[in-house]
Structures are given as C-alpha cells and as structure tokens.
C-alpha cells in the first residue's frame, strides 16, 4: 500500500500539550484515499528535528508529506505557502538553542514553495465549515526550519509532494482554539485533497500585510 507521512511536534515553551502531536497521533494507521497514514513526532529542537524527519522519510518512502505544527494565536488551520531560509528564534527551542539571523542552508535558495494544492485545501475545509486560510509565513522558529528542510529534501525526489500546515491551540490549551476533532478532520481533508488534486485552484488567498 502507498503511504503518506504526517508529522507533528512535541510540546514546547513549557506547554503540556502540542495540538499538532495530538492530532497527528489520531491519524496514525488510518487509511485516506487508499493510502496508509504513517506518522512521526519531531523534537522541537533545531539541531534534531530535520534528522528525525529524514529518518521517517527513509523508513516510509511516502508519496506525500505533510508536516504539522502549532501556531498559537491563529484562529484557523493555515496552509503555508513558502518556507524561508532563516532561523530567527524569539524563544529558545527545547534544547535551549536560540539561533538569530542564521541561514538554514548556507548555499540554499532564499525560499521553497509548498507543493501542496494550498488553495484547494482551504476551499475543501471551508466547505466543511472548518476555519482555514492560506498563510504567507511559517515563522522563523523550528516549524519553518523543518518546512525548509523538507522542501529542500523533496526538491531532489521526483514525484513526492509536501508542505506544512499550522493548527491553532486545542480547546482548553489557550485562545483562540479549535476542538481536537475539528483539527483532525481538517487534516484528513487536507490529505485527501492533496492526494486527489493535481493542479491547485486559482482563487484569492493573498494578504495586504
């Protein structure tokens, strides 16, 4: 059976839970559009997360990869458009590292585009009344670091699509938030849409600032 890899992150910044981990663990071993969903939980550590992702890629050899992270303060599930080549950490990671203005890949391009059908995913979630939007930035913390590393790796693998999705706090963790079941449903829809949509829809999804 063909496979999809979905990753989440461990809790960070003193939090007890990470909604990306909770949601991704619910997906483990399920089947979507005939593909088995394999999962991995990455450390929230600049130095270790990319290697953990590469190990999962080697183990599962997926045709689609979606990395998921927490974006506390956002009201919607947000599909990231671009990964940028910079680490600039406002807080320390779980190993105490706090890189500032540092290139992720010294000889790498300034950015990589997601290869997910980002607007089609937003539209699919909206049809289910799940709050969703295109995001123009994945930040400059470990989420973006992993997103950039993923797309750099996939740029050398033909036929494998990938990208990054941020989810809000889960209910009881902070505000604004979404129920865990809604986040899981949103990720299931995102996976199904990515597997069945070869060309993204052309619709408004930009931002003024």
N, C-alpha and C. Protein backbone atom coordinates (compact mmCIF):
# COMPACT_ATOMS: atom_id res chain seq x y z
N UNK A 1 0.84 -1.20 0.00
CA UNK A 1 0.00 0.00 0.00
C UNK A 1 0.87 1.26 0.00
N UNK A 2 0.50 2.23 -0.81
CA UNK A 2 1.22 3.50 -0.82
C UNK A 2 0.97 4.27 0.47
N UNK A 3 1.90 5.18 0.78
CA UNK A 3 1.89 5.81 2.10
C UNK A 3 1.95 7.33 2.04
N UNK A 4 1.40 7.92 3.08
CA UNK A 4 1.50 9.35 3.36
C UNK A 4 2.18 9.50 4.71
N UNK A 5 3.12 10.42 4.81
CA UNK A 5 3.77 10.71 6.08
C UNK A 5 3.24 12.03 6.62
N UNK A 6 2.78 12.01 7.86
CA UNK A 6 2.31 13.22 8.54
C UNK A 6 3.08 13.34 9.85
N UNK A 7 3.68 14.50 10.08
CA UNK A 7 4.46 14.69 11.30
C UNK A 7 3.86 15.80 12.16
N UNK A 8 4.06 15.67 13.46
CA UNK A 8 3.72 16.72 14.42
C UNK A 8 4.94 17.04 15.26
N UNK A 9 4.74 17.88 16.26
CA UNK A 9 5.83 18.28 17.16
C UNK A 9 5.47 17.98 18.61
N UNK A 10 6.51 17.73 19.39
CA UNK A 10 6.34 17.61 20.83
C UNK A 10 6.00 18.99 21.42
N UNK A 11 5.48 19.03 22.65
CA UNK A 11 5.21 20.33 23.29
C UNK A 11 6.50 21.14 23.45
N UNK A 12 6.35 22.45 23.49
CA UNK A 12 7.50 23.34 23.64
C UNK A 12 7.09 24.55 24.47
N UNK A 13 8.06 25.34 24.85
CA UNK A 13 7.83 26.58 25.60
C UNK A 13 7.06 26.33 26.90
N UNK A 14 7.33 25.19 27.52
CA UNK A 14 6.71 24.90 28.81
C UNK A 14 5.27 24.42 28.74
N UNK A 15 4.74 24.19 27.55
CA UNK A 15 3.37 23.73 27.43
C UNK A 15 3.27 22.23 27.74
N UNK A 16 2.07 21.81 28.15
CA UNK A 16 1.85 20.40 28.48
C UNK A 16 1.52 19.58 27.24
N UNK A 17 0.91 20.22 26.24
CA UNK A 17 0.50 19.50 25.03
C UNK A 17 0.85 20.33 23.81
N UNK A 18 0.90 19.66 22.67
CA UNK A 18 1.03 20.32 21.39
C UNK A 18 -0.10 19.78 20.51
N UNK A 19 -0.99 20.64 20.02
CA UNK A 19 -2.12 20.13 19.24
C UNK A 19 -1.71 19.39 17.98
N UNK A 20 -0.55 19.74 17.43
CA UNK A 20 -0.10 19.01 16.24
C UNK A 20 0.19 17.55 16.59
N UNK A 21 0.79 17.31 17.75
CA UNK A 21 1.05 15.94 18.18
C UNK A 21 -0.25 15.19 18.44
N UNK A 22 -1.19 15.82 19.16
CA UNK A 22 -2.45 15.17 19.48
C UNK A 22 -3.21 14.78 18.22
N UNK A 23 -3.25 15.69 17.24
CA UNK A 23 -4.00 15.42 16.01
C UNK A 23 -3.32 14.36 15.15
N UNK A 24 -2.01 14.47 15.02
CA UNK A 24 -1.27 13.53 14.18
C UNK A 24 -1.37 12.12 14.75
N UNK A 25 -1.31 11.99 16.06
CA UNK A 25 -1.42 10.66 16.66
C UNK A 25 -2.78 10.02 16.38
N UNK A 26 -3.83 10.84 16.23
CA UNK A 26 -5.15 10.31 15.88
C UNK A 26 -5.18 9.74 14.46
N UNK A 27 -4.29 10.23 13.60
CA UNK A 27 -4.26 9.79 12.20
C UNK A 27 -3.45 8.52 11.99
N UNK A 28 -2.61 8.18 12.94
CA UNK A 28 -1.68 7.07 12.75
C UNK A 28 -2.39 5.77 12.42
N UNK A 29 -1.98 5.15 11.32
CA UNK A 29 -2.51 3.85 10.93
C UNK A 29 -3.83 3.87 10.20
N UNK A 30 -4.41 5.07 10.01
CA UNK A 30 -5.66 5.16 9.27
C UNK A 30 -5.38 5.10 7.76
N UNK A 31 -6.45 5.03 6.98
CA UNK A 31 -6.32 5.00 5.52
C UNK A 31 -7.13 6.13 4.93
N UNK A 32 -6.52 6.90 4.04
CA UNK A 32 -7.18 8.00 3.35
C UNK A 32 -6.89 7.87 1.87
N UNK A 33 -7.94 7.84 1.07
CA UNK A 33 -7.83 7.68 -0.38
C UNK A 33 -6.90 6.50 -0.73
N UNK A 34 -7.05 5.43 -0.01
CA UNK A 34 -6.29 4.22 -0.30
C UNK A 34 -4.85 4.25 0.13
N UNK A 35 -4.44 5.26 0.88
CA UNK A 35 -3.05 5.35 1.37
C UNK A 35 -3.03 5.19 2.88
N UNK A 36 -2.04 4.46 3.35
CA UNK A 36 -1.86 4.31 4.79
C UNK A 36 -1.16 5.55 5.34
N UNK A 37 -1.68 6.05 6.46
CA UNK A 37 -1.10 7.24 7.07
C UNK A 37 -0.07 6.82 8.11
N UNK A 38 1.18 7.16 7.84
CA UNK A 38 2.27 6.94 8.77
C UNK A 38 2.59 8.26 9.47
N UNK A 39 3.01 8.19 10.70
CA UNK A 39 3.22 9.42 11.46
C UNK A 39 4.56 9.40 12.20
N UNK A 40 5.01 10.60 12.54
CA UNK A 40 6.21 10.76 13.37
C UNK A 40 6.06 12.04 14.17
N UNK A 41 6.52 12.03 15.40
CA UNK A 41 6.52 13.23 16.23
C UNK A 41 7.96 13.72 16.34
N UNK A 42 8.16 14.94 15.89
CA UNK A 42 9.50 15.51 15.82
C UNK A 42 9.83 16.27 17.10
N UNK A 43 11.11 16.27 17.50
CA UNK A 43 11.51 17.11 18.63
C UNK A 43 11.48 18.58 18.22
N UNK A 44 11.11 19.44 19.15
CA UNK A 44 11.12 20.88 18.88
C UNK A 44 12.52 21.40 19.17
N UNK A 45 13.44 20.93 18.34
CA UNK A 45 14.87 21.23 18.51
C UNK A 45 15.45 21.47 17.12
N UNK A 46 16.02 22.65 16.91
CA UNK A 46 16.58 22.98 15.60
C UNK A 46 17.56 21.90 15.12
N UNK A 47 18.44 21.44 16.00
CA UNK A 47 19.51 20.54 15.59
C UNK A 47 19.02 19.14 15.28
N UNK A 48 17.89 18.72 15.86
CA UNK A 48 17.48 17.32 15.78
C UNK A 48 16.27 17.06 14.90
N UNK A 49 15.40 18.04 14.75
CA UNK A 49 14.14 17.80 14.02
C UNK A 49 14.35 17.39 12.57
N UNK A 50 15.24 18.05 11.79
CA UNK A 50 15.40 17.63 10.38
C UNK A 50 15.88 16.19 10.24
N UNK A 51 16.78 15.75 11.11
CA UNK A 51 17.27 14.37 11.04
C UNK A 51 16.15 13.39 11.35
N UNK A 52 15.31 13.71 12.33
CA UNK A 52 14.17 12.84 12.65
C UNK A 52 13.22 12.74 11.47
N UNK A 53 13.01 13.85 10.78
CA UNK A 53 12.16 13.85 9.59
C UNK A 53 12.79 12.99 8.49
N UNK A 54 14.07 13.13 8.26
CA UNK A 54 14.74 12.34 7.22
C UNK A 54 14.66 10.85 7.51
N UNK A 55 14.77 10.48 8.79
CA UNK A 55 14.64 9.06 9.15
C UNK A 55 13.26 8.54 8.81
N UNK A 56 12.24 9.33 9.08
CA UNK A 56 10.87 8.91 8.75
C UNK A 56 10.68 8.81 7.24
N UNK A 57 11.28 9.73 6.50
CA UNK A 57 11.19 9.67 5.03
C UNK A 57 11.83 8.39 4.50
N UNK A 58 12.99 8.06 5.03
CA UNK A 58 13.66 6.83 4.58
C UNK A 58 12.85 5.59 4.95
N UNK A 59 12.27 5.61 6.13
CA UNK A 59 11.53 4.43 6.60
C UNK A 59 10.26 4.19 5.79
N UNK A 60 9.51 5.25 5.51
CA UNK A 60 8.18 5.07 4.93
C UNK A 60 8.11 5.30 3.42
N UNK A 61 9.07 6.01 2.84
CA UNK A 61 9.09 6.27 1.41
C UNK A 61 7.71 6.76 0.93
N UNK A 62 7.21 7.85 1.50
CA UNK A 62 5.86 8.30 1.18
C UNK A 62 5.77 9.00 -0.17
N UNK A 63 4.56 9.08 -0.70
CA UNK A 63 4.32 9.86 -1.91
C UNK A 63 3.87 11.29 -1.58
N UNK A 64 3.48 11.51 -0.32
CA UNK A 64 3.02 12.82 0.15
C UNK A 64 3.50 13.00 1.58
N UNK A 65 3.99 14.22 1.89
CA UNK A 65 4.46 14.52 3.24
C UNK A 65 3.82 15.82 3.69
N UNK A 66 3.16 15.78 4.84
CA UNK A 66 2.61 16.99 5.43
C UNK A 66 3.13 17.11 6.85
N UNK A 67 3.89 18.15 7.10
CA UNK A 67 4.35 18.45 8.45
C UNK A 67 3.36 19.41 9.10
N UNK A 68 3.09 19.18 10.36
CA UNK A 68 2.08 19.95 11.08
C UNK A 68 2.71 20.55 12.33
N UNK A 69 2.38 21.80 12.60
CA UNK A 69 2.89 22.47 13.79
C UNK A 69 1.83 23.33 14.44
N UNK A 70 2.12 23.77 15.64
CA UNK A 70 1.21 24.63 16.41
C UNK A 70 1.48 26.09 16.11
N UNK A 71 0.41 26.85 15.89
CA UNK A 71 0.51 28.31 15.76
C UNK A 71 -0.48 28.93 16.73
N UNK A 72 -0.09 29.01 17.99
CA UNK A 72 -0.95 29.62 19.00
C UNK A 72 -1.24 31.06 18.66
N UNK A 73 -2.51 31.45 18.77
CA UNK A 73 -2.93 32.81 18.41
C UNK A 73 -3.64 32.88 17.10
N UNK A 74 -3.44 31.89 16.22
CA UNK A 74 -4.18 31.85 14.97
C UNK A 74 -5.55 31.23 15.22
N UNK A 75 -6.53 31.70 14.46
CA UNK A 75 -7.91 31.24 14.65
C UNK A 75 -8.28 30.10 13.73
N UNK A 76 -7.45 29.84 12.71
CA UNK A 76 -7.81 28.87 11.68
C UNK A 76 -6.67 27.89 11.44
N UNK A 77 -7.00 26.81 10.77
CA UNK A 77 -5.98 25.92 10.23
C UNK A 77 -5.39 26.62 9.03
N UNK A 78 -4.08 26.81 9.02
CA UNK A 78 -3.45 27.62 7.98
C UNK A 78 -2.47 26.79 7.17
N UNK A 79 -2.61 26.88 5.85
CA UNK A 79 -1.78 26.13 4.93
C UNK A 79 -0.65 27.04 4.48
N UNK A 80 0.57 26.64 4.74
CA UNK A 80 1.72 27.51 4.49
C UNK A 80 2.10 27.52 3.01
N UNK A 81 2.40 28.72 2.52
CA UNK A 81 2.75 28.89 1.12
C UNK A 81 4.24 28.71 0.85
N UNK A 82 5.09 29.20 1.78
CA UNK A 82 6.52 29.26 1.47
C UNK A 82 7.36 29.06 2.74
N UNK A 83 8.49 28.38 2.58
CA UNK A 83 9.48 28.22 3.65
C UNK A 83 10.67 29.10 3.33
N UNK A 84 11.14 29.87 4.30
CA UNK A 84 12.24 30.79 4.05
C UNK A 84 13.52 30.32 4.74
N UNK A 85 14.65 30.71 4.17
CA UNK A 85 15.96 30.22 4.58
C UNK A 85 16.54 31.07 5.72
N UNK A 86 15.86 31.05 6.87
CA UNK A 86 16.40 31.78 8.01
C UNK A 86 15.83 31.20 9.31
N UNK A 87 16.70 31.11 10.30
CA UNK A 87 16.31 30.84 11.68
C UNK A 87 16.47 32.14 12.46
N UNK A 88 15.41 32.54 13.16
CA UNK A 88 15.47 33.75 13.98
C UNK A 88 14.51 33.53 15.14
N UNK A 89 15.00 32.90 16.20
CA UNK A 89 14.15 32.37 17.26
C UNK A 89 13.86 33.42 18.32
N UNK A 90 12.58 33.72 18.50
CA UNK A 90 12.16 34.63 19.56
C UNK A 90 12.32 33.99 20.93
N UNK A 91 12.14 32.65 20.98
CA UNK A 91 12.33 31.88 22.21
C UNK A 91 13.30 30.74 21.93
N UNK A 92 13.80 30.14 22.98
CA UNK A 92 14.71 29.00 22.82
C UNK A 92 13.92 27.74 22.48
N UNK A 93 14.57 26.83 21.76
CA UNK A 93 13.94 25.53 21.50
C UNK A 93 14.06 24.64 22.74
N UNK A 94 13.65 23.40 22.63
CA UNK A 94 13.63 22.52 23.80
C UNK A 94 15.02 22.08 24.25
N UNK A 95 16.03 22.39 23.46
CA UNK A 95 17.41 22.11 23.88
C UNK A 95 18.13 23.39 24.32
N UNK A 96 17.41 24.49 24.36
CA UNK A 96 17.99 25.76 24.79
C UNK A 96 18.65 26.57 23.69
N UNK A 97 18.57 26.11 22.44
CA UNK A 97 19.18 26.84 21.32
C UNK A 97 18.27 27.97 20.88
N UNK A 98 18.87 29.09 20.53
CA UNK A 98 18.11 30.26 20.08
C UNK A 98 18.88 30.98 18.97
N UNK A 99 18.94 30.36 17.78
CA UNK A 99 19.67 31.00 16.68
C UNK A 99 19.01 32.30 16.24
N UNK A 100 19.83 33.24 15.85
CA UNK A 100 19.34 34.55 15.42
C UNK A 100 19.94 34.89 14.07
N UNK A 101 19.10 35.22 13.11
CA UNK A 101 19.53 35.66 11.77
C UNK A 101 20.52 34.69 11.14
N UNK A 102 20.22 33.40 11.24
CA UNK A 102 21.12 32.38 10.72
C UNK A 102 20.48 31.64 9.56
N UNK A 103 21.22 31.50 8.47
CA UNK A 103 20.69 30.75 7.33
C UNK A 103 20.53 29.29 7.69
N UNK A 104 19.45 28.68 7.23
CA UNK A 104 19.25 27.25 7.44
C UNK A 104 20.22 26.46 6.57
N UNK A 105 20.33 26.87 5.32
CA UNK A 105 21.26 26.24 4.38
C UNK A 105 22.10 27.35 3.75
N UNK A 106 23.38 27.36 4.05
CA UNK A 106 24.23 28.48 3.62
C UNK A 106 24.23 28.66 2.11
N UNK A 107 24.17 27.56 1.37
CA UNK A 107 24.16 27.66 -0.08
C UNK A 107 22.77 27.41 -0.67
N UNK A 108 21.77 27.41 0.18
CA UNK A 108 20.41 27.13 -0.29
C UNK A 108 19.72 28.37 -0.82
N UNK A 109 18.63 28.18 -1.56
CA UNK A 109 17.86 29.32 -2.06
C UNK A 109 17.19 30.07 -0.92
N UNK A 110 16.75 31.28 -1.20
CA UNK A 110 16.10 32.09 -0.17
C UNK A 110 14.81 31.44 0.33
N UNK A 111 14.14 30.67 -0.54
CA UNK A 111 12.86 30.09 -0.14
C UNK A 111 12.52 28.89 -1.02
N UNK A 112 11.61 28.08 -0.50
CA UNK A 112 11.00 27.00 -1.28
C UNK A 112 9.48 27.13 -1.19
N UNK A 113 8.82 26.89 -2.32
CA UNK A 113 7.35 26.87 -2.33
C UNK A 113 6.84 25.52 -1.85
N UNK A 114 5.72 25.54 -1.14
CA UNK A 114 4.99 24.31 -0.88
C UNK A 114 4.56 23.70 -2.20
N UNK A 115 4.49 22.39 -2.27
CA UNK A 115 3.95 21.73 -3.46
C UNK A 115 2.57 21.12 -3.18
N UNK A 116 1.97 21.51 -2.07
CA UNK A 116 0.58 21.15 -1.81
C UNK A 116 -0.35 22.06 -2.59
N UNK A 117 -1.56 21.60 -2.91
CA UNK A 117 -2.57 22.48 -3.53
C UNK A 117 -3.20 23.33 -2.42
N UNK A 118 -2.51 24.38 -2.02
CA UNK A 118 -2.85 25.09 -0.79
C UNK A 118 -4.24 25.72 -0.84
N UNK A 119 -4.61 26.30 -1.97
CA UNK A 119 -5.92 26.96 -2.04
C UNK A 119 -7.05 25.94 -2.18
N UNK A 120 -6.79 24.84 -2.83
CA UNK A 120 -7.79 23.78 -2.90
C UNK A 120 -8.05 23.20 -1.51
N UNK A 121 -7.02 23.09 -0.71
CA UNK A 121 -7.18 22.59 0.66
C UNK A 121 -8.03 23.56 1.47
N UNK A 122 -7.72 24.85 1.39
CA UNK A 122 -8.50 25.85 2.11
C UNK A 122 -9.97 25.78 1.69
N UNK A 123 -10.21 25.65 0.39
CA UNK A 123 -11.59 25.58 -0.11
C UNK A 123 -12.30 24.33 0.42
N UNK A 124 -11.60 23.21 0.47
CA UNK A 124 -12.20 21.97 0.97
C UNK A 124 -12.58 22.10 2.44
N UNK A 125 -11.71 22.72 3.23
CA UNK A 125 -12.02 22.92 4.64
C UNK A 125 -13.19 23.88 4.82
N UNK A 126 -13.19 24.94 4.01
CA UNK A 126 -14.28 25.92 4.11
C UNK A 126 -15.63 25.29 3.81
N UNK A 127 -15.67 24.36 2.87
CA UNK A 127 -16.94 23.69 2.55
C UNK A 127 -17.46 22.89 3.73
N UNK A 128 -16.58 22.44 4.60
CA UNK A 128 -16.98 21.72 5.82
C UNK A 128 -17.14 22.67 7.02
N UNK A 129 -17.08 23.97 6.76
CA UNK A 129 -17.21 24.98 7.81
C UNK A 129 -16.08 24.92 8.83
N UNK A 130 -14.91 24.48 8.38
CA UNK A 130 -13.73 24.45 9.23
C UNK A 130 -12.91 25.71 8.93
N UNK A 131 -12.61 26.54 9.93
CA UNK A 131 -11.84 27.76 9.67
C UNK A 131 -10.49 27.43 9.04
N UNK A 132 -10.20 28.07 7.91
CA UNK A 132 -8.97 27.76 7.17
C UNK A 132 -8.54 28.97 6.36
N UNK A 133 -7.24 29.08 6.12
CA UNK A 133 -6.71 30.19 5.34
C UNK A 133 -5.33 29.81 4.82
N UNK A 134 -4.92 30.49 3.74
CA UNK A 134 -3.54 30.42 3.29
C UNK A 134 -2.71 31.30 4.21
N UNK A 135 -1.55 30.82 4.62
CA UNK A 135 -0.60 31.62 5.39
C UNK A 135 0.61 31.93 4.53
N UNK A 136 1.08 33.16 4.63
CA UNK A 136 2.22 33.59 3.82
C UNK A 136 3.56 33.38 4.54
N UNK A 137 3.51 32.96 5.81
CA UNK A 137 4.77 32.74 6.52
C UNK A 137 4.60 31.65 7.57
N UNK A 138 5.57 30.77 7.63
CA UNK A 138 5.59 29.72 8.66
C UNK A 138 6.44 30.14 9.85
N UNK A 139 6.74 31.45 9.94
CA UNK A 139 7.56 31.95 11.03
C UNK A 139 9.04 31.71 10.78
N UNK A 140 9.82 31.83 11.83
CA UNK A 140 11.27 31.61 11.73
C UNK A 140 11.76 30.73 12.87
N UNK A 141 10.85 29.91 13.40
CA UNK A 141 11.20 29.01 14.50
C UNK A 141 11.38 27.59 13.93
N UNK A 142 11.21 26.57 14.74
CA UNK A 142 11.51 25.20 14.32
C UNK A 142 10.54 24.73 13.23
N UNK A 143 9.30 25.22 13.23
CA UNK A 143 8.36 24.83 12.18
C UNK A 143 8.89 25.20 10.80
N UNK A 144 9.29 26.45 10.63
CA UNK A 144 9.84 26.87 9.35
C UNK A 144 11.14 26.13 9.03
N UNK A 145 11.95 25.89 10.05
CA UNK A 145 13.21 25.17 9.87
C UNK A 145 12.95 23.78 9.27
N UNK A 146 11.95 23.08 9.80
CA UNK A 146 11.58 21.76 9.29
C UNK A 146 10.96 21.86 7.90
N UNK A 147 10.09 22.83 7.70
CA UNK A 147 9.44 23.04 6.41
C UNK A 147 10.49 23.28 5.32
N UNK A 148 11.45 24.13 5.59
CA UNK A 148 12.50 24.40 4.61
C UNK A 148 13.31 23.13 4.34
N UNK A 149 13.67 22.42 5.40
CA UNK A 149 14.44 21.18 5.21
C UNK A 149 13.66 20.14 4.43
N UNK A 150 12.36 20.05 4.69
CA UNK A 150 11.52 19.11 3.94
C UNK A 150 11.53 19.43 2.46
N UNK A 151 11.28 20.68 2.13
CA UNK A 151 11.18 21.04 0.71
C UNK A 151 12.54 20.96 0.02
N UNK A 152 13.61 21.20 0.74
CA UNK A 152 14.95 21.03 0.17
C UNK A 152 15.20 19.57 -0.16
N UNK A 153 14.79 18.69 0.75
CA UNK A 153 14.94 17.25 0.50
C UNK A 153 14.06 16.80 -0.66
N UNK A 154 12.81 17.25 -0.67
CA UNK A 154 11.89 16.81 -1.73
C UNK A 154 12.25 17.38 -3.09
N UNK A 155 13.00 18.48 -3.11
CA UNK A 155 13.41 19.04 -4.41
C UNK A 155 14.31 18.07 -5.16
N UNK A 156 14.86 17.09 -4.44
CA UNK A 156 15.71 16.08 -5.06
C UNK A 156 15.01 14.73 -5.21
N UNK A 157 13.70 14.71 -4.92
CA UNK A 157 12.92 13.47 -5.05
C UNK A 157 11.76 13.72 -5.99
N UNK A 158 11.79 13.11 -7.13
CA UNK A 158 10.74 13.31 -8.12
C UNK A 158 9.44 12.64 -7.68
N UNK A 159 8.36 13.37 -7.87
CA UNK A 159 7.05 12.77 -7.65
C UNK A 159 6.55 12.77 -6.23
N UNK A 160 7.30 13.34 -5.30
CA UNK A 160 6.85 13.40 -3.91
C UNK A 160 6.47 14.84 -3.58
N UNK A 161 5.23 15.03 -3.15
CA UNK A 161 4.76 16.38 -2.82
C UNK A 161 4.81 16.59 -1.31
N UNK A 162 4.90 17.85 -0.92
CA UNK A 162 4.97 18.11 0.51
C UNK A 162 4.67 19.55 0.86
N UNK A 163 4.47 19.77 2.14
CA UNK A 163 4.22 21.12 2.63
C UNK A 163 3.97 21.12 4.12
N UNK A 164 3.52 22.26 4.61
CA UNK A 164 3.38 22.47 6.06
C UNK A 164 2.02 23.08 6.36
N UNK A 165 1.43 22.61 7.46
CA UNK A 165 0.15 23.14 7.93
C UNK A 165 0.29 23.50 9.41
N UNK A 166 -0.17 24.70 9.76
CA UNK A 166 -0.22 25.11 11.16
C UNK A 166 -1.64 24.96 11.69
N UNK A 167 -1.75 24.51 12.92
CA UNK A 167 -3.05 24.37 13.56
C UNK A 167 -3.10 25.24 14.81
N UNK A 168 -4.30 25.72 15.18
CA UNK A 168 -4.43 26.55 16.39
C UNK A 168 -4.30 25.73 17.66
N UNK A 169 -4.37 26.43 18.78
CA UNK A 169 -4.48 25.74 20.05
C UNK A 169 -5.69 24.80 20.04
N UNK A 170 -5.59 23.74 20.82
CA UNK A 170 -6.71 22.85 21.03
C UNK A 170 -7.52 23.38 22.22
N UNK A 171 -8.81 23.07 22.24
CA UNK A 171 -9.67 23.56 23.31
C UNK A 171 -9.08 23.22 24.68
N UNK A 172 -9.07 24.23 25.57
CA UNK A 172 -8.51 24.06 26.90
C UNK A 172 -7.05 24.44 27.01
N UNK A 173 -6.41 24.66 25.87
CA UNK A 173 -4.98 25.00 25.88
C UNK A 173 -4.76 26.50 25.89
N UNK A 174 -5.58 27.22 25.16
CA UNK A 174 -5.45 28.67 25.04
C UNK A 174 -6.50 29.19 24.07
N UNK A 175 -6.51 30.48 23.84
CA UNK A 175 -7.46 31.10 22.93
C UNK A 175 -6.71 31.92 21.89
N UNK A 176 -7.28 31.96 20.64
CA UNK A 176 -8.40 31.18 20.12
C UNK A 176 -8.01 29.70 19.96
N UNK A 177 -9.02 28.85 19.79
CA UNK A 177 -8.75 27.42 19.73
C UNK A 177 -9.81 26.72 18.88
N UNK A 178 -9.54 25.46 18.58
CA UNK A 178 -10.50 24.60 17.89
C UNK A 178 -10.56 23.27 18.64
N UNK A 179 -11.70 22.57 18.56
CA UNK A 179 -11.76 21.22 19.14
C UNK A 179 -10.78 20.30 18.42
N UNK A 180 -10.22 19.36 19.17
CA UNK A 180 -9.27 18.42 18.57
C UNK A 180 -9.92 17.68 17.40
N UNK A 181 -11.18 17.29 17.54
CA UNK A 181 -11.86 16.56 16.46
C UNK A 181 -11.91 17.38 15.18
N UNK A 182 -12.07 18.69 15.31
CA UNK A 182 -12.11 19.57 14.13
C UNK A 182 -10.74 19.65 13.47
N UNK A 183 -9.69 19.73 14.28
CA UNK A 183 -8.34 19.77 13.73
C UNK A 183 -8.03 18.47 13.00
N UNK A 184 -8.41 17.34 13.59
CA UNK A 184 -8.17 16.05 12.95
C UNK A 184 -8.94 15.97 11.63
N UNK A 185 -10.20 16.38 11.64
CA UNK A 185 -10.99 16.37 10.41
C UNK A 185 -10.36 17.26 9.34
N UNK A 186 -9.86 18.42 9.76
CA UNK A 186 -9.21 19.31 8.82
C UNK A 186 -7.98 18.70 8.19
N UNK A 187 -7.19 18.00 8.97
CA UNK A 187 -6.01 17.35 8.42
C UNK A 187 -6.39 16.20 7.49
N UNK A 188 -7.41 15.46 7.84
CA UNK A 188 -7.88 14.39 6.95
C UNK A 188 -8.32 14.95 5.60
N UNK A 189 -9.04 16.05 5.64
CA UNK A 189 -9.46 16.69 4.39
C UNK A 189 -8.28 17.22 3.60
N UNK A 190 -7.30 17.79 4.31
CA UNK A 190 -6.11 18.31 3.63
C UNK A 190 -5.37 17.18 2.92
N UNK A 191 -5.22 16.05 3.58
CA UNK A 191 -4.54 14.90 2.97
C UNK A 191 -5.31 14.42 1.75
N UNK A 192 -6.62 14.23 1.91
CA UNK A 192 -7.44 13.75 0.80
C UNK A 192 -7.39 14.70 -0.39
N UNK A 193 -7.43 15.99 -0.11
CA UNK A 193 -7.40 16.98 -1.19
C UNK A 193 -6.05 16.97 -1.89
N UNK A 194 -4.98 16.87 -1.12
CA UNK A 194 -3.64 16.82 -1.72
C UNK A 194 -3.46 15.59 -2.60
N UNK A 195 -4.07 14.49 -2.20
CA UNK A 195 -3.93 13.25 -2.97
C UNK A 195 -4.76 13.26 -4.24
N UNK A 196 -5.84 14.02 -4.27
CA UNK A 196 -6.77 13.97 -5.40
C UNK A 196 -6.72 15.22 -6.28
N UNK A 197 -5.93 16.21 -5.89
CA UNK A 197 -5.85 17.47 -6.65
C UNK A 197 -4.46 17.63 -7.22
N UNK A 198 -4.33 17.56 -8.51
CA UNK A 198 -3.01 17.68 -9.15
C UNK A 198 -2.66 19.13 -9.46
N UNK A 199 -3.68 19.93 -9.73
CA UNK A 199 -3.44 21.35 -10.04
C UNK A 199 -4.28 22.20 -9.11
N UNK A 200 -3.65 23.15 -8.43
CA UNK A 200 -4.35 23.98 -7.46
C UNK A 200 -5.39 24.85 -8.12
N UNK A 201 -6.41 25.23 -7.36
CA UNK A 201 -7.42 26.14 -7.86
C UNK A 201 -6.87 27.56 -7.86
N UNK A 202 -7.43 28.39 -8.72
CA UNK A 202 -6.99 29.78 -8.82
C UNK A 202 -8.05 30.67 -8.18
N UNK A 203 -7.76 31.11 -6.97
CA UNK A 203 -8.70 31.94 -6.23
C UNK A 203 -7.92 32.82 -5.28
N UNK A 204 -8.56 33.85 -4.75
CA UNK A 204 -7.86 34.78 -3.88
C UNK A 204 -7.44 34.12 -2.57
N UNK A 205 -6.19 34.38 -2.19
CA UNK A 205 -5.67 33.86 -0.93
C UNK A 205 -4.52 34.66 -0.40
N UNK A 206 -4.37 35.89 -0.91
CA UNK A 206 -3.24 36.72 -0.53
C UNK A 206 -3.51 37.54 0.72
N UNK A 207 -2.57 38.42 1.05
CA UNK A 207 -2.68 39.26 2.23
C UNK A 207 -2.12 40.64 1.94
N UNK A 208 -2.68 41.64 2.61
CA UNK A 208 -2.19 43.03 2.41
C UNK A 208 -0.96 43.31 3.26
N UNK A 209 -0.79 42.56 4.34
CA UNK A 209 0.36 42.81 5.22
C UNK A 209 0.68 41.55 6.00
